[in-house]
N, C-alpha and C. Protein backbone atom coordinates (compact mmCIF):
# COMPACT_ATOMS: atom_id res chain seq x y z
N MET A 1 127.39 137.02 186.24
CA MET A 1 127.18 136.35 185.37
C MET A 1 125.59 136.07 184.93
N VAL A 2 125.15 135.80 184.05
CA VAL A 2 123.43 135.66 183.48
C VAL A 2 123.06 134.72 184.20
N VAL A 3 122.04 134.76 184.66
CA VAL A 3 121.36 133.87 184.93
C VAL A 3 119.75 133.68 184.35
N ILE A 4 119.32 133.03 184.29
CA ILE A 4 117.41 132.09 184.02
C ILE A 4 116.35 131.77 185.25
N ARG A 5 116.21 133.20 185.66
CA ARG A 5 115.48 132.87 187.49
C ARG A 5 114.22 133.14 187.24
N LEU A 6 113.68 133.17 188.44
CA LEU A 6 112.07 133.16 188.55
C LEU A 6 112.52 134.52 189.22
N SER A 7 111.44 135.47 189.25
CA SER A 7 111.43 136.69 189.73
C SER A 7 109.54 137.10 190.84
N ARG A 8 109.61 136.69 191.68
CA ARG A 8 108.34 136.63 192.64
C ARG A 8 107.11 137.79 192.43
N GLY A 9 106.11 137.79 192.23
CA GLY A 9 105.53 138.93 192.11
C GLY A 9 103.90 138.27 193.09
N GLY A 10 103.14 138.94 192.45
CA GLY A 10 101.75 138.38 192.87
C GLY A 10 101.37 139.22 194.79
N SER A 11 100.48 138.79 195.51
CA SER A 11 100.53 139.23 196.51
C SER A 11 100.74 138.33 197.74
N LYS A 12 100.26 138.39 198.40
CA LYS A 12 100.55 137.18 200.13
C LYS A 12 99.55 136.19 200.23
N LYS A 13 100.30 135.28 200.10
CA LYS A 13 99.67 133.97 199.71
C LYS A 13 98.73 133.76 198.59
N ARG A 14 99.42 134.59 197.34
CA ARG A 14 98.91 134.11 195.69
C ARG A 14 100.53 134.50 194.99
N PRO A 15 101.16 133.24 195.01
CA PRO A 15 102.18 133.71 194.18
C PRO A 15 102.05 134.17 192.98
N PHE A 16 103.15 134.88 191.97
CA PHE A 16 103.16 134.74 190.44
C PHE A 16 104.23 134.66 190.04
N TYR A 17 105.19 134.63 189.64
CA TYR A 17 106.56 134.59 188.99
C TYR A 17 107.00 134.69 187.30
N ASN A 18 107.51 135.64 187.44
CA ASN A 18 107.93 136.14 186.09
C ASN A 18 109.30 135.14 185.70
N ILE A 19 109.67 134.89 184.95
CA ILE A 19 110.76 134.44 184.10
C ILE A 19 111.47 135.23 183.13
N VAL A 20 112.67 135.78 184.04
CA VAL A 20 113.53 137.01 183.50
C VAL A 20 114.56 136.20 183.82
N VAL A 21 115.82 136.92 182.91
CA VAL A 21 117.17 136.95 182.59
C VAL A 21 118.11 138.01 182.98
N ALA A 22 118.43 137.87 184.40
CA ALA A 22 119.13 139.07 185.21
C ALA A 22 120.90 138.99 185.63
N GLU A 23 121.47 139.55 186.19
CA GLU A 23 122.36 139.35 186.13
C GLU A 23 123.05 138.61 187.91
N GLN A 24 123.32 137.81 188.14
CA GLN A 24 123.63 137.12 189.00
C GLN A 24 123.33 138.03 190.52
N LYS A 25 124.11 138.87 190.55
CA LYS A 25 124.23 139.79 191.84
C LYS A 25 123.32 141.08 191.82
N ASN A 26 122.14 141.17 190.61
CA ASN A 26 120.73 141.42 190.80
C ASN A 26 119.87 140.86 192.21
N ARG A 27 119.18 141.62 193.06
CA ARG A 27 118.68 141.01 193.89
C ARG A 27 117.47 139.94 192.67
N ARG A 28 116.99 139.23 193.27
CA ARG A 28 115.95 138.16 193.61
C ARG A 28 114.54 138.88 192.58
N ASP A 29 113.80 139.87 192.34
CA ASP A 29 112.69 141.00 192.28
C ASP A 29 113.48 142.22 192.29
N GLY A 30 114.96 142.50 191.75
CA GLY A 30 115.04 143.68 191.50
C GLY A 30 115.09 143.92 189.95
N ARG A 31 116.41 144.10 189.34
CA ARG A 31 116.56 144.93 187.69
C ARG A 31 117.00 143.70 187.29
N PHE A 32 116.22 143.43 185.68
CA PHE A 32 116.74 142.92 184.87
C PHE A 32 116.56 142.97 183.53
N LEU A 33 117.14 141.57 182.82
CA LEU A 33 117.55 142.02 181.32
C LEU A 33 116.33 142.29 180.70
N GLU A 34 115.83 141.37 180.99
CA GLU A 34 114.43 140.24 179.67
C GLU A 34 113.54 139.26 180.58
N ARG A 35 112.16 139.86 180.27
CA ARG A 35 111.38 138.88 180.64
C ARG A 35 111.13 138.00 180.06
N VAL A 36 111.31 136.88 179.93
CA VAL A 36 110.40 135.94 178.78
C VAL A 36 110.19 134.87 179.30
N GLY A 37 109.26 135.53 180.15
CA GLY A 37 107.67 134.49 180.44
C GLY A 37 107.58 134.12 181.97
N PHE A 38 106.43 133.78 182.12
CA PHE A 38 105.95 133.67 183.30
C PHE A 38 105.42 132.55 183.64
N TYR A 39 105.43 132.18 185.40
CA TYR A 39 104.65 131.20 185.61
C TYR A 39 103.92 131.51 187.22
N ASN A 40 102.47 130.67 186.77
CA ASN A 40 101.14 131.06 187.91
C ASN A 40 100.59 129.34 188.31
N PRO A 41 101.74 129.41 189.55
CA PRO A 41 101.16 127.90 190.02
C PRO A 41 99.78 128.26 190.81
N LEU A 42 99.01 128.85 190.83
CA LEU A 42 97.89 129.06 191.73
C LEU A 42 96.40 128.85 190.31
N ALA A 43 97.17 128.94 188.85
CA ALA A 43 96.08 128.93 187.88
C ALA A 43 95.40 128.06 187.69
N SER A 44 94.03 128.16 187.63
CA SER A 44 92.99 127.54 187.86
C SER A 44 91.68 127.50 186.33
N GLY A 45 91.07 126.44 186.16
CA GLY A 45 90.13 126.83 185.38
C GLY A 45 90.74 127.09 184.12
N ASN A 46 89.99 127.97 182.76
CA ASN A 46 90.99 128.89 181.94
C ASN A 46 92.29 129.30 181.81
N ALA A 47 92.78 129.33 183.14
CA ALA A 47 93.96 130.54 183.32
C ALA A 47 95.57 129.68 183.03
N GLU A 48 96.08 130.58 182.16
CA GLU A 48 97.04 129.79 181.28
C GLU A 48 98.25 129.61 182.63
N ARG A 49 98.80 128.61 182.72
CA ARG A 49 99.66 128.42 183.81
C ARG A 49 101.37 128.83 183.41
N LEU A 50 101.54 128.31 182.64
CA LEU A 50 103.20 128.74 182.29
C LEU A 50 103.45 128.99 181.16
N ARG A 51 103.96 129.78 180.37
CA ARG A 51 104.31 130.50 179.49
C ARG A 51 105.46 131.63 179.10
N VAL A 52 106.40 130.28 177.46
CA VAL A 52 107.59 130.74 177.58
C VAL A 52 108.07 131.26 176.23
N ALA A 53 109.26 132.32 176.41
CA ALA A 53 109.58 132.74 175.05
C ALA A 53 110.78 132.10 174.49
N PHE A 54 110.57 130.56 174.03
CA PHE A 54 111.20 129.76 173.74
C PHE A 54 112.92 130.28 172.92
N ASP A 55 112.42 130.93 171.94
CA ASP A 55 113.39 131.65 170.90
C ASP A 55 114.48 132.58 172.22
N ARG A 56 113.94 133.29 172.80
CA ARG A 56 114.90 134.13 173.98
C ARG A 56 115.81 133.62 174.40
N VAL A 57 114.56 132.36 174.94
CA VAL A 57 115.18 131.27 176.52
C VAL A 57 116.48 130.40 175.04
N ASP A 58 116.60 130.16 174.18
CA ASP A 58 117.63 129.75 173.55
C ASP A 58 118.67 130.54 173.21
N HIS A 59 118.22 132.19 172.30
CA HIS A 59 119.43 133.11 172.60
C HIS A 59 120.14 133.52 173.62
N TRP A 60 119.78 133.41 174.86
CA TRP A 60 120.39 133.77 175.99
C TRP A 60 121.57 132.41 176.47
N VAL A 61 120.58 131.54 176.40
CA VAL A 61 121.33 130.40 176.77
C VAL A 61 122.70 130.29 175.63
N GLY A 62 122.07 130.43 174.90
CA GLY A 62 123.45 130.56 172.92
C GLY A 62 124.45 131.57 173.98
N VAL A 63 124.04 132.58 174.50
CA VAL A 63 125.29 133.63 174.73
C VAL A 63 126.26 133.09 176.38
N GLY A 64 125.27 132.07 177.08
CA GLY A 64 125.93 131.90 178.27
C GLY A 64 125.25 132.35 179.70
N ALA A 65 123.14 132.48 179.21
CA ALA A 65 123.25 132.28 180.33
C ALA A 65 122.79 130.82 181.12
N GLN A 66 122.66 130.78 182.00
CA GLN A 66 122.58 129.65 182.77
C GLN A 66 120.96 129.85 183.56
N ALA A 67 120.41 128.35 183.31
CA ALA A 67 119.12 128.38 184.20
C ALA A 67 119.32 128.08 185.61
N SER A 68 118.55 128.60 186.50
CA SER A 68 118.39 128.09 187.86
C SER A 68 117.22 126.33 187.73
N ASP A 69 117.88 126.18 188.45
CA ASP A 69 117.10 124.20 188.64
C ASP A 69 115.78 124.61 188.77
N THR A 70 114.79 125.45 189.02
CA THR A 70 113.29 125.47 188.83
C THR A 70 112.72 125.77 187.62
N VAL A 71 113.98 127.01 187.06
CA VAL A 71 113.18 127.04 185.06
C VAL A 71 113.75 125.84 184.35
N THR A 72 114.87 125.79 185.11
CA THR A 72 114.90 124.31 183.74
C THR A 72 113.81 123.39 183.66
N ARG A 73 113.20 123.26 184.99
CA ARG A 73 112.23 122.21 185.83
C ARG A 73 111.04 122.84 184.79
N LEU A 74 110.70 123.73 184.75
CA LEU A 74 109.73 124.24 184.05
C LEU A 74 109.77 124.76 182.90
N LEU A 75 111.03 124.98 182.05
CA LEU A 75 111.27 124.47 180.60
C LEU A 75 111.33 122.96 180.45
N ALA A 76 111.62 122.04 180.76
CA ALA A 76 111.42 121.34 180.34
C ALA A 76 109.81 120.55 180.26
N ASP A 77 109.22 120.83 181.85
CA ASP A 77 108.07 120.98 181.45
C ASP A 77 107.03 121.53 179.99
N ALA A 78 107.46 122.44 180.01
CA ALA A 78 107.33 123.52 178.89
C ALA A 78 106.92 122.71 177.88
N LYS A 79 108.08 122.90 177.35
CA LYS A 79 108.33 122.00 176.00
C LYS A 79 107.49 120.54 175.92
N LYS A 80 107.87 119.77 176.66
CA LYS A 80 107.06 117.78 176.94
C LYS A 80 105.38 118.40 176.44
N ALA A 81 104.94 119.54 176.89
CA ALA A 81 103.29 119.93 176.76
C ALA A 81 103.22 120.76 175.53
N ALA A 82 104.35 121.73 174.99
CA ALA A 82 104.35 122.21 174.21
C ALA A 82 103.79 121.23 172.94
N PRO A 83 102.71 121.78 171.68
CA PRO A 83 102.41 120.47 170.43
C PRO A 83 103.11 120.35 169.51
N ALA A 84 103.42 119.48 169.27
CA ALA A 84 104.67 118.93 168.48
C ALA A 84 104.42 119.65 166.69
N ALA A 85 105.55 121.05 166.38
CA ALA A 85 105.49 121.43 165.79
C ALA A 85 106.51 121.22 164.30
């Protein structure tokens, strides 16, 4: 099964997460199919906290990928904060 989940990066006590599309059987920080965004929980000032390519997320969900609980929450927050188009 294909999932959309977070892949941890950054250094010790300074997390940075990539939002990736991966096979469920692969390790959390292992091989992935596509990077569709990032989440920086420690962003401050003008630093960007969250970026998501919604067109790619919609594509993957359309072909059967399932988002993790955390990614679902982040996507909802990003859609709420996105300017109305």
